[in-house]
Amino acid sequence: MRPSLGGGGGDVAVTAGAGSAGVGGDITLTAGQTDAASGGSITFTTGMGVPGSGELEIRTEVSDDAVDSGSMMLRTGGATEGNTG
């Protein structure tokens, strides 16, 4: 990664499609899988700044119909020997 020369760093936005009659689009991030070594990783890192670092927000939106809201699951991997995530 090349640092910005005299300006701000560039943004990256990933947005799934919206729908008016059906469900909205999904975003799935999947790291690489292998049989020979450790699987790939996904890392979210907030930006560092002089007054403080950036925020990391993970949320589900409120349901307009107040029926169901999205669920949240955080799960670490298991291991037969050694440490787990």
Protein backbone atom coordinates (compact mmCIF):
# COMPACT_ATOMS: atom_id res chain seq x y z
CA MET A 1 0.00 0.00 0.00
CA ARG A 2 1.34 3.41 -0.94
CA PRO A 3 0.72 6.31 1.46
CA SER A 4 -0.97 9.47 0.25
CA LEU A 5 1.45 12.24 -0.66
CA GLY A 6 0.07 15.43 0.84
CA GLY A 7 -3.63 14.54 0.88
CA GLY A 8 -6.14 12.31 2.56
CA GLY A 9 -6.28 8.56 2.07
CA GLY A 10 -8.82 7.19 -0.39
CA ASP A 11 -12.13 5.69 0.70
CA VAL A 12 -13.50 2.29 -0.28
CA ALA A 13 -17.26 1.81 -0.17
CA VAL A 14 -19.02 -1.51 -0.70
CA THR A 15 -22.78 -1.24 -1.05
CA ALA A 16 -25.24 -3.98 -1.88
CA GLY A 17 -28.25 -3.22 -4.04
CA ALA A 18 -31.50 -1.92 -2.57
CA GLY A 19 -34.90 -3.26 -3.50
CA SER A 20 -38.42 -1.88 -3.35
CA ALA A 21 -40.32 -5.16 -3.51
CA GLY A 22 -37.86 -7.90 -2.55
CA VAL A 23 -34.98 -8.24 -0.14
CA GLY A 24 -31.92 -6.02 -0.37
CA GLY A 25 -28.64 -7.36 -1.72
CA ASP A 26 -26.20 -9.25 0.51
CA ILE A 27 -22.47 -8.69 0.98
CA THR A 28 -20.42 -11.75 1.78
CA LEU A 29 -16.69 -11.60 2.53
CA THR A 30 -15.01 -14.98 2.57
CA ALA A 31 -11.31 -15.54 3.11
CA GLY A 32 -9.46 -18.27 1.23
CA GLN A 33 -9.70 -21.92 2.19
CA THR A 34 -6.89 -24.44 1.94
CA ASP A 35 -6.06 -28.00 2.93
CA ALA A 36 -2.32 -27.35 3.26
CA ALA A 37 -2.04 -24.41 5.71
CA SER A 38 -4.11 -21.93 7.70
CA GLY A 39 -7.12 -20.42 5.97
CA GLY A 40 -7.12 -16.80 4.88
CA SER A 41 -8.00 -13.97 7.25
CA ILE A 42 -10.29 -10.98 7.09
CA THR A 43 -9.11 -7.98 9.05
CA PHE A 44 -11.02 -4.79 9.77
CA THR A 45 -8.71 -2.05 11.00
CA THR A 46 -9.77 1.49 11.74
CA GLY A 47 -7.57 4.37 10.72
CA MET A 48 -5.04 5.87 13.10
CA GLY A 49 -5.00 9.60 13.69
CA VAL A 50 -3.32 12.08 16.01
CA PRO A 51 -6.41 12.81 18.13
CA GLY A 52 -7.61 9.19 18.08
CA SER A 53 -8.37 6.22 15.88
CA GLY A 54 -11.42 5.74 13.67
CA GLU A 55 -14.55 3.96 14.84
CA LEU A 56 -15.64 0.45 13.91
CA GLU A 57 -19.40 0.05 13.77
CA ILE A 58 -21.15 -3.21 13.04
CA ARG A 59 -24.90 -3.03 13.24
CA THR A 60 -28.17 -4.38 11.99
CA GLU A 61 -30.84 -1.94 10.89
CA VAL A 62 -34.22 -1.41 12.46
CA SER A 63 -37.12 -3.15 10.74
CA ASP A 64 -39.65 -0.73 9.22
CA ASP A 65 -42.42 -3.22 9.92
CA ALA A 66 -41.21 -3.86 13.50
CA VAL A 67 -41.46 -7.60 12.87
CA ASP A 68 -37.87 -8.82 12.92
CA SER A 69 -34.55 -7.04 12.98
CA GLY A 70 -31.33 -8.57 11.71
CA SER A 71 -29.41 -10.80 14.09
CA MET A 72 -25.73 -10.55 14.99
CA MET A 73 -23.41 -13.50 15.42
CA LEU A 74 -19.75 -13.44 16.32
CA ARG A 75 -18.16 -16.85 16.32
CA THR A 76 -14.55 -17.90 16.66
CA GLY A 77 -13.12 -21.07 15.21
CA GLY A 78 -12.61 -24.29 17.11
CA ALA A 79 -9.55 -26.47 17.27
CA THR A 80 -8.91 -30.07 18.29
CA GLU A 81 -5.55 -29.06 19.79
CA GLY A 82 -4.10 -25.72 20.90
CA ASN A 83 -5.74 -22.31 21.08
CA THR A 84 -8.98 -21.25 19.46
CA GLY A 85 -9.94 -17.84 18.05
